[in-house]
Amino acid sequence: MVRFHPHALERLVERGTTEEEIVVTIQSGEQFSAKFGRIGFRKSFPFGATWRGRSYSTKEVAAFAVRENGDWLVITVMTRYY
């Protein structure tokens, strides 16, 4: 199961991603080690839209999480557009 820290939920809207995209990223994205003992997950999605006045074809979503009671607790998210 994937749970979201309040900080991560605030960043979802701010950075243009959704809870569903984060869940898919954790379930099927690339996994890597991150700072502070966290695990990072990364996945690219077709975008083909405008974000903050510029057009992009791809959106890369990254989630940083820790294991807590068998669940993934998402601490923060980042999004890159290209």
PDB file of N, CA and C in Angstrom:
ATOM      1  N   MET A   1       0.843  -1.188   0.000  1.00  0.00           N
ATOM      2  CA  MET A   1       0.000   0.000   0.000  1.00  0.00           C
ATOM      3  C   MET A   1       0.885   1.247   0.000  1.00  0.00           C
ATOM      4  N   VAL A   2       0.402   2.299  -0.623  1.00  0.00           N
ATOM      5  CA  VAL A   2       1.115   3.567  -0.688  1.00  0.00           C
ATOM      6  C   VAL A   2       0.310   4.603   0.088  1.00  0.00           C
ATOM      7  N   ARG A   3       0.993   5.249   1.036  1.00  0.00           N
ATOM      8  CA  ARG A   3       0.375   6.336   1.813  1.00  0.00           C
ATOM      9  C   ARG A   3       1.160   7.617   1.545  1.00  0.00           C
ATOM     10  N   PHE A   4       0.530   8.762   1.788  1.00  0.00           N
ATOM     11  CA  PHE A   4       1.133  10.052   1.481  1.00  0.00           C
ATOM     12  C   PHE A   4       1.267  10.915   2.729  1.00  0.00           C
ATOM     13  N   HIS A   5       2.464  11.422   2.961  1.00  0.00           N
ATOM     14  CA  HIS A   5       2.706  12.413   4.006  1.00  0.00           C
ATOM     15  C   HIS A   5       2.018  13.707   3.558  1.00  0.00           C
ATOM     16  N   PRO A   6       1.527  14.525   4.479  1.00  0.00           N
ATOM     17  CA  PRO A   6       0.890  15.787   4.078  1.00  0.00           C
ATOM     18  C   PRO A   6       1.784  16.655   3.180  1.00  0.00           C
ATOM     19  N   HIS A   7       3.075  16.655   3.433  1.00  0.00           N
ATOM     20  CA  HIS A   7       4.007  17.421   2.590  1.00  0.00           C
ATOM     21  C   HIS A   7       3.927  16.946   1.137  1.00  0.00           C
ATOM     22  N   ALA A   8       3.899  15.634   0.938  1.00  0.00           N
ATOM     23  CA  ALA A   8       3.833  15.080  -0.423  1.00  0.00           C
ATOM     24  C   ALA A   8       2.522  15.470  -1.101  1.00  0.00           C
ATOM     25  N   LEU A   9       1.428  15.440  -0.371  1.00  0.00           N
ATOM     26  CA  LEU A   9       0.134  15.813  -0.960  1.00  0.00           C
ATOM     27  C   LEU A   9       0.133  17.268  -1.425  1.00  0.00           C
ATOM     28  N   GLU A  10       0.776  18.148  -0.663  1.00  0.00           N
ATOM     29  CA  GLU A  10       0.876  19.546  -1.082  1.00  0.00           C
ATOM     30  C   GLU A  10       1.695  19.675  -2.357  1.00  0.00           C
ATOM     31  N   ARG A  11       2.747  18.899  -2.473  1.00  0.00           N
ATOM     32  CA  ARG A  11       3.635  18.983  -3.622  1.00  0.00           C
ATOM     33  C   ARG A  11       3.020  18.399  -4.889  1.00  0.00           C
ATOM     34  N   LEU A  12       2.067  17.475  -4.747  1.00  0.00           N
ATOM     35  CA  LEU A  12       1.410  16.891  -5.924  1.00  0.00           C
ATOM     36  C   LEU A  12       0.825  17.980  -6.818  1.00  0.00           C
ATOM     37  N   VAL A  13       0.018  18.826  -6.234  1.00  0.00           N
ATOM     38  CA  VAL A  13      -0.654  19.883  -6.998  1.00  0.00           C
ATOM     39  C   VAL A  13       0.374  20.897  -7.495  1.00  0.00           C
ATOM     40  N   GLU A  14       1.261  21.293  -6.610  1.00  0.00           N
ATOM     41  CA  GLU A  14       2.277  22.294  -6.929  1.00  0.00           C
ATOM     42  C   GLU A  14       3.167  21.861  -8.098  1.00  0.00           C
ATOM     43  N   ARG A  15       3.418  20.555  -8.208  1.00  0.00           N
ATOM     44  CA  ARG A  15       4.361  20.052  -9.204  1.00  0.00           C
ATOM     45  C   ARG A  15       3.689  19.324 -10.369  1.00  0.00           C
ATOM     46  N   GLY A  16       2.357  19.312 -10.377  1.00  0.00           N
ATOM     47  CA  GLY A  16       1.629  18.828 -11.542  1.00  0.00           C
ATOM     48  C   GLY A  16       1.552  17.329 -11.713  1.00  0.00           C
ATOM     49  N   THR A  17       1.459  16.592 -10.625  1.00  0.00           N
ATOM     50  CA  THR A  17       1.291  15.147 -10.739  1.00  0.00           C
ATOM     51  C   THR A  17       0.085  14.701  -9.918  1.00  0.00           C
ATOM     52  N   THR A  18      -0.230  13.427  -9.956  1.00  0.00           N
ATOM     53  CA  THR A  18      -1.405  12.913  -9.262  1.00  0.00           C
ATOM     54  C   THR A  18      -1.021  11.752  -8.351  1.00  0.00           C
ATOM     55  N   GLU A  19      -1.891  11.445  -7.411  1.00  0.00           N
ATOM     56  CA  GLU A  19      -1.676  10.287  -6.537  1.00  0.00           C
ATOM     57  C   GLU A  19      -1.561   9.012  -7.376  1.00  0.00           C
ATOM     58  N   GLU A  20      -2.387   8.892  -8.406  1.00  0.00           N
ATOM     59  CA  GLU A  20      -2.369   7.701  -9.250  1.00  0.00           C
ATOM     60  C   GLU A  20      -1.020   7.533  -9.952  1.00  0.00           C
ATOM     61  N   GLU A  21      -0.464   8.635 -10.467  1.00  0.00           N
ATOM     62  CA  GLU A  21       0.849   8.556 -11.118  1.00  0.00           C
ATOM     63  C   GLU A  21       1.934   8.140 -10.128  1.00  0.00           C
ATOM     64  N   ILE A  22       1.840   8.620  -8.909  1.00  0.00           N
ATOM     65  CA  ILE A  22       2.829   8.247  -7.885  1.00  0.00           C
ATOM     66  C   ILE A  22       2.722   6.764  -7.558  1.00  0.00           C
ATOM     67  N   VAL A  23       1.518   6.257  -7.419  1.00  0.00           N
ATOM     68  CA  VAL A  23       1.331   4.829  -7.128  1.00  0.00           C
ATOM     69  C   VAL A  23       1.914   3.980  -8.258  1.00  0.00           C
ATOM     70  N   VAL A  24       1.641   4.343  -9.499  1.00  0.00           N
ATOM     71  CA  VAL A  24       2.186   3.606 -10.646  1.00  0.00           C
ATOM     72  C   VAL A  24       3.711   3.697 -10.646  1.00  0.00           C
ATOM     73  N   THR A  25       4.247   4.851 -10.323  1.00  0.00           N
ATOM     74  CA  THR A  25       5.697   5.034 -10.278  1.00  0.00           C
ATOM     75  C   THR A  25       6.326   4.109  -9.238  1.00  0.00           C
ATOM     76  N   ILE A  26       5.715   4.004  -8.083  1.00  0.00           N
ATOM     77  CA  ILE A  26       6.248   3.121  -7.038  1.00  0.00           C
ATOM     78  C   ILE A  26       6.097   1.656  -7.432  1.00  0.00           C
ATOM     79  N   GLN A  27       4.992   1.317  -8.057  1.00  0.00           N
ATOM     80  CA  GLN A  27       4.748  -0.082  -8.422  1.00  0.00           C
ATOM     81  C   GLN A  27       5.592  -0.554  -9.603  1.00  0.00           C
ATOM     82  N   SER A  28       5.867   0.336 -10.571  1.00  0.00           N
ATOM     83  CA  SER A  28       6.530  -0.154 -11.781  1.00  0.00           C
ATOM     84  C   SER A  28       7.685   0.711 -12.275  1.00  0.00           C
ATOM     85  N   GLY A  29       8.054   1.749 -11.520  1.00  0.00           N
ATOM     86  CA  GLY A  29       9.142   2.614 -11.947  1.00  0.00           C
ATOM     87  C   GLY A  29      10.508   2.098 -11.520  1.00  0.00           C
ATOM     88  N   GLU A  30      11.520   2.804 -11.945  1.00  0.00           N
ATOM     89  CA  GLU A  30      12.901   2.506 -11.559  1.00  0.00           C
ATOM     90  C   GLU A  30      13.096   2.878 -10.092  1.00  0.00           C
ATOM     91  N   GLN A  31      13.743   2.026  -9.346  1.00  0.00           N
ATOM     92  CA  GLN A  31      14.003   2.264  -7.921  1.00  0.00           C
ATOM     93  C   GLN A  31      15.479   2.606  -7.738  1.00  0.00           C
ATOM     94  N   PHE A  32      15.774   3.584  -6.847  1.00  0.00           N
ATOM     95  CA  PHE A  32      17.158   3.976  -6.589  1.00  0.00           C
ATOM     96  C   PHE A  32      17.310   4.456  -5.152  1.00  0.00           C
ATOM     97  N   SER A  33      18.519   4.419  -4.647  1.00  0.00           N
ATOM     98  CA  SER A  33      18.797   4.898  -3.287  1.00  0.00           C
ATOM     99  C   SER A  33      18.779   6.418  -3.282  1.00  0.00           C
ATOM    100  N   ALA A  34      18.293   6.982  -2.180  1.00  0.00           N
ATOM    101  CA  ALA A  34      18.223   8.429  -2.036  1.00  0.00           C
ATOM    102  C   ALA A  34      18.796   8.836  -0.674  1.00  0.00           C
ATOM    103  N   LYS A  35      18.895  10.123  -0.451  1.00  0.00           N
ATOM    104  CA  LYS A  35      19.425  10.640   0.811  1.00  0.00           C
ATOM    105  C   LYS A  35      18.535  10.275   1.992  1.00  0.00           C
ATOM    106  N   PHE A  36      19.136  10.304   3.171  1.00  0.00           N
ATOM    107  CA  PHE A  36      18.441  10.131   4.442  1.00  0.00           C
ATOM    108  C   PHE A  36      17.773   8.763   4.576  1.00  0.00           C
ATOM    109  N   GLY A  37      18.327   7.751   3.909  1.00  0.00           N
ATOM    110  CA  GLY A  37      17.793   6.403   4.011  1.00  0.00           C
ATOM    111  C   GLY A  37      16.496   6.180   3.247  1.00  0.00           C
ATOM    112  N   ARG A  38      16.147   7.099   2.389  1.00  0.00           N
ATOM    113  CA  ARG A  38      14.916   6.979   1.604  1.00  0.00           C
ATOM    114  C   ARG A  38      15.182   6.204   0.317  1.00  0.00           C
ATOM    115  N   ILE A  39      14.107   5.759  -0.290  1.00  0.00           N
ATOM    116  CA  ILE A  39      14.165   5.097  -1.587  1.00  0.00           C
ATOM    117  C   ILE A  39      13.462   6.004  -2.588  1.00  0.00           C
ATOM    118  N   GLY A  40      14.102   6.194  -3.735  1.00  0.00           N
ATOM    119  CA  GLY A  40      13.496   6.979  -4.798  1.00  0.00           C
ATOM    120  C   GLY A  40      12.918   6.064  -5.861  1.00  0.00           C
ATOM    121  N   PHE A  41      11.879   6.539  -6.491  1.00  0.00           N
ATOM    122  CA  PHE A  41      11.227   5.836  -7.597  1.00  0.00           C
ATOM    123  C   PHE A  41      11.056   6.851  -8.724  1.00  0.00           C
ATOM    124  N   ARG A  42      11.292   6.412  -9.967  1.00  0.00           N
ATOM    125  CA  ARG A  42      11.224   7.328 -11.104  1.00  0.00           C
ATOM    126  C   ARG A  42      10.534   6.632 -12.265  1.00  0.00           C
ATOM    127  N   LYS A  43       9.670   7.387 -12.953  1.00  0.00           N
ATOM    128  CA  LYS A  43       8.989   6.837 -14.127  1.00  0.00           C
ATOM    129  C   LYS A  43       8.609   7.988 -15.054  1.00  0.00           C
ATOM    130  N   SER A  44       8.757   7.755 -16.356  1.00  0.00           N
ATOM    131  CA  SER A  44       8.354   8.743 -17.358  1.00  0.00           C
ATOM    132  C   SER A  44       6.975   8.389 -17.906  1.00  0.00           C
ATOM    133  N   PHE A  45       6.183   9.422 -18.123  1.00  0.00           N
ATOM    134  CA  PHE A  45       4.835   9.278 -18.667  1.00  0.00           C
ATOM    135  C   PHE A  45       4.707  10.151 -19.914  1.00  0.00           C
ATOM    136  N   PRO A  46       3.977   9.690 -20.928  1.00  0.00           N
ATOM    137  CA  PRO A  46       3.675  10.578 -22.058  1.00  0.00           C
ATOM    138  C   PRO A  46       2.865  11.758 -21.529  1.00  0.00           C
ATOM    139  N   PHE A  47       3.174  12.952 -21.963  1.00  0.00           N
ATOM    140  CA  PHE A  47       2.478  14.128 -21.438  1.00  0.00           C
ATOM    141  C   PHE A  47       1.716  14.852 -22.548  1.00  0.00           C
ATOM    142  N   GLY A  48       2.410  15.350 -23.551  1.00  0.00           N
ATOM    143  CA  GLY A  48       1.760  15.992 -24.687  1.00  0.00           C
ATOM    144  C   GLY A  48       0.813  17.108 -24.323  1.00  0.00           C
ATOM    145  N   ALA A  49       1.253  17.979 -23.417  1.00  0.00           N
ATOM    146  CA  ALA A  49       0.391  19.072 -22.962  1.00  0.00           C
ATOM    147  C   ALA A  49       1.258  20.260 -22.564  1.00  0.00           C
ATOM    148  N   THR A  50       0.594  21.276 -22.033  1.00  0.00           N
ATOM    149  CA  THR A  50       1.271  22.494 -21.608  1.00  0.00           C
ATOM    150  C   THR A  50       1.357  22.526 -20.092  1.00  0.00           C
ATOM    151  N   TRP A  51       2.518  22.901 -19.585  1.00  0.00           N
ATOM    152  CA  TRP A  51       2.722  23.089 -18.151  1.00  0.00           C
ATOM    153  C   TRP A  51       3.380  24.448 -17.974  1.00  0.00           C
ATOM    154  N   ARG A  52       2.713  25.322 -17.246  1.00  0.00           N
ATOM    155  CA  ARG A  52       3.212  26.669 -16.976  1.00  0.00           C
ATOM    156  C   ARG A  52       3.639  27.409 -18.243  1.00  0.00           C
ATOM    157  N   GLY A  53       2.763  27.309 -19.260  1.00  0.00           N
ATOM    158  CA  GLY A  53       2.950  28.075 -20.476  1.00  0.00           C
ATOM    159  C   GLY A  53       3.879  27.478 -21.523  1.00  0.00           C
ATOM    160  N   ARG A  54       4.425  26.291 -21.267  1.00  0.00           N
ATOM    161  CA  ARG A  54       5.311  25.644 -22.246  1.00  0.00           C
ATOM    162  C   ARG A  54       4.803  24.246 -22.550  1.00  0.00           C
ATOM    163  N   SER A  55       5.003  23.823 -23.795  1.00  0.00           N
ATOM    164  CA  SER A  55       4.551  22.502 -24.220  1.00  0.00           C
ATOM    165  C   SER A  55       5.647  21.464 -23.992  1.00  0.00           C
ATOM    166  N   TYR A  56       5.245  20.306 -23.509  1.00  0.00           N
ATOM    167  CA  TYR A  56       6.173  19.204 -23.248  1.00  0.00           C
ATOM    168  C   TYR A  56       5.556  17.902 -23.722  1.00  0.00           C
ATOM    169  N   SER A  57       6.397  16.979 -24.167  1.00  0.00           N
ATOM    170  CA  SER A  57       5.900  15.678 -24.613  1.00  0.00           C
ATOM    171  C   SER A  57       5.991  14.613 -23.525  1.00  0.00           C
ATOM    172  N   THR A  58       6.879  14.829 -22.539  1.00  0.00           N
ATOM    173  CA  THR A  58       7.113  13.811 -21.514  1.00  0.00           C
ATOM    174  C   THR A  58       7.118  14.446 -20.131  1.00  0.00           C
ATOM    175  N   LYS A  59       6.600  13.695 -19.174  1.00  0.00           N
ATOM    176  CA  LYS A  59       6.640  14.099 -17.769  1.00  0.00           C
ATOM    177  C   LYS A  59       7.325  12.979 -16.995  1.00  0.00           C
ATOM    178  N   GLU A  60       8.389  13.310 -16.272  1.00  0.00           N
ATOM    179  CA  GLU A  60       9.069  12.326 -15.429  1.00  0.00           C
ATOM    180  C   GLU A  60       8.687  12.599 -13.976  1.00  0.00           C
ATOM    181  N   VAL A  61       8.140  11.591 -13.329  1.00  0.00           N
ATOM    182  CA  VAL A  61       7.688  11.701 -11.951  1.00  0.00           C
ATOM    183  C   VAL A  61       8.672  10.960 -11.058  1.00  0.00           C
ATOM    184  N   ALA A  62       9.045  11.593  -9.946  1.00  0.00           N
ATOM    185  CA  ALA A  62       9.902  10.940  -8.952  1.00  0.00           C
ATOM    186  C   ALA A  62       9.224  11.031  -7.593  1.00  0.00           C
ATOM    187  N   ALA A  63       9.248   9.927  -6.872  1.00  0.00           N
ATOM    188  CA  ALA A  63       8.694   9.872  -5.518  1.00  0.00           C
ATOM    189  C   ALA A  63       9.795   9.414  -4.579  1.00  0.00           C
ATOM    190  N   PHE A  64       9.853  10.024  -3.399  1.00  0.00           N
ATOM    191  CA  PHE A  64      10.833   9.645  -2.384  1.00  0.00           C
ATOM    192  C   PHE A  64      10.055   9.145  -1.176  1.00  0.00           C
ATOM    193  N   ALA A  65      10.350   7.901  -0.781  1.00  0.00           N
ATOM    194  CA  ALA A  65       9.525   7.241   0.226  1.00  0.00           C
ATOM    195  C   ALA A  65      10.372   6.432   1.203  1.00  0.00           C
ATOM    196  N   VAL A  66       9.735   6.047   2.295  1.00  0.00           N
ATOM    197  CA  VAL A  66      10.329   5.146   3.285  1.00  0.00           C
ATOM    198  C   VAL A  66       9.325   4.033   3.559  1.00  0.00           C
ATOM    199  N   ARG A  67       9.831   2.902   4.005  1.00  0.00           N
ATOM    200  CA  ARG A  67       8.956   1.796   4.420  1.00  0.00           C
ATOM    201  C   ARG A  67       8.487   2.068   5.843  1.00  0.00           C
ATOM    202  N   GLU A  68       7.184   1.938   6.047  1.00  0.00           N
ATOM    203  CA  GLU A  68       6.616   2.148   7.381  1.00  0.00           C
ATOM    204  C   GLU A  68       5.483   1.147   7.566  1.00  0.00           C
ATOM    205  N   ASN A  69       5.690   0.205   8.490  1.00  0.00           N
ATOM    206  CA  ASN A  69       4.692  -0.833   8.779  1.00  0.00           C
ATOM    207  C   ASN A  69       4.273  -1.593   7.519  1.00  0.00           C
ATOM    208  N   GLY A  70       5.232  -1.871   6.646  1.00  0.00           N
ATOM    209  CA  GLY A  70       4.958  -2.630   5.432  1.00  0.00           C
ATOM    210  C   GLY A  70       4.415  -1.818   4.271  1.00  0.00           C
ATOM    211  N   ASP A  71       4.113  -0.548   4.494  1.00  0.00           N
ATOM    212  CA  ASP A  71       3.605   0.341   3.443  1.00  0.00           C
ATOM    213  C   ASP A  71       4.724   1.254   2.973  1.00  0.00           C
ATOM    214  N   TRP A  72       4.539   1.852   1.809  1.00  0.00           N
ATOM    215  CA  TRP A  72       5.415   2.936   1.380  1.00  0.00           C
ATOM    216  C   TRP A  72       4.790   4.241   1.817  1.00  0.00           C
ATOM    217  N   LEU A  73       5.535   5.045   2.573  1.00  0.00           N
ATOM    218  CA  LEU A  73       5.093   6.384   2.957  1.00  0.00           C
ATOM    219  C   LEU A  73       5.847   7.370   2.073  1.00  0.00           C
ATOM    220  N   VAL A  74       5.124   8.029   1.183  1.00  0.00           N
ATOM    221  CA  VAL A  74       5.727   8.990   0.258  1.00  0.00           C
ATOM    222  C   VAL A  74       5.963  10.291   1.016  1.00  0.00           C
ATOM    223  N   ILE A  75       7.228  10.713   1.041  1.00  0.00           N
ATOM    224  CA  ILE A  75       7.620  11.923   1.765  1.00  0.00           C
ATOM    225  C   ILE A  75       7.506  13.161   0.884  1.00  0.00           C
ATOM    226  N   THR A  76       7.980  13.048  -0.346  1.00  0.00           N
ATOM    227  CA  THR A  76       7.894  14.169  -1.281  1.00  0.00           C
ATOM    228  C   THR A  76       7.899  13.653  -2.716  1.00  0.00           C
ATOM    229  N   VAL A  77       7.531  14.520  -3.637  1.00  0.00           N
ATOM    230  CA  VAL A  77       7.529  14.163  -5.057  1.00  0.00           C
ATOM    231  C   VAL A  77       8.164  15.291  -5.855  1.00  0.00           C
ATOM    232  N   MET A  78       8.717  14.926  -6.997  1.00  0.00           N
ATOM    233  CA  MET A  78       9.294  15.902  -7.916  1.00  0.00           C
ATOM    234  C   MET A  78       8.828  15.540  -9.324  1.00  0.00           C
ATOM    235  N   THR A  79       8.756  16.540 -10.176  1.00  0.00           N
ATOM    236  CA  THR A  79       8.325  16.309 -11.549  1.00  0.00           C
ATOM    237  C   THR A  79       9.227  17.115 -12.483  1.00  0.00           C
ATOM    238  N   ARG A  80       9.652  16.460 -13.556  1.00  0.00           N
ATOM    239  CA  ARG A  80      10.423  17.126 -14.611  1.00  0.00           C
ATOM    240  C   ARG A  80       9.648  17.004 -15.909  1.00  0.00           C
ATOM    241  N   TYR A  81       9.658  18.055 -16.657  1.00  0.00           N
ATOM    242  CA  TYR A  81       8.981  18.061 -17.960  1.00  0.00           C
ATOM    243  C   TYR A  81      10.024  18.257 -19.045  1.00  0.00           C
ATOM    244  N   TYR A  82       9.893  17.499 -20.115  1.00  0.00           N
ATOM    245  CA  TYR A  82      10.797  17.686 -21.261  1.00  0.00           C
ATOM    246  C   TYR A  82      10.151  17.195 -22.530  1.00  0.00           C
TER     247      TYR A  82
END
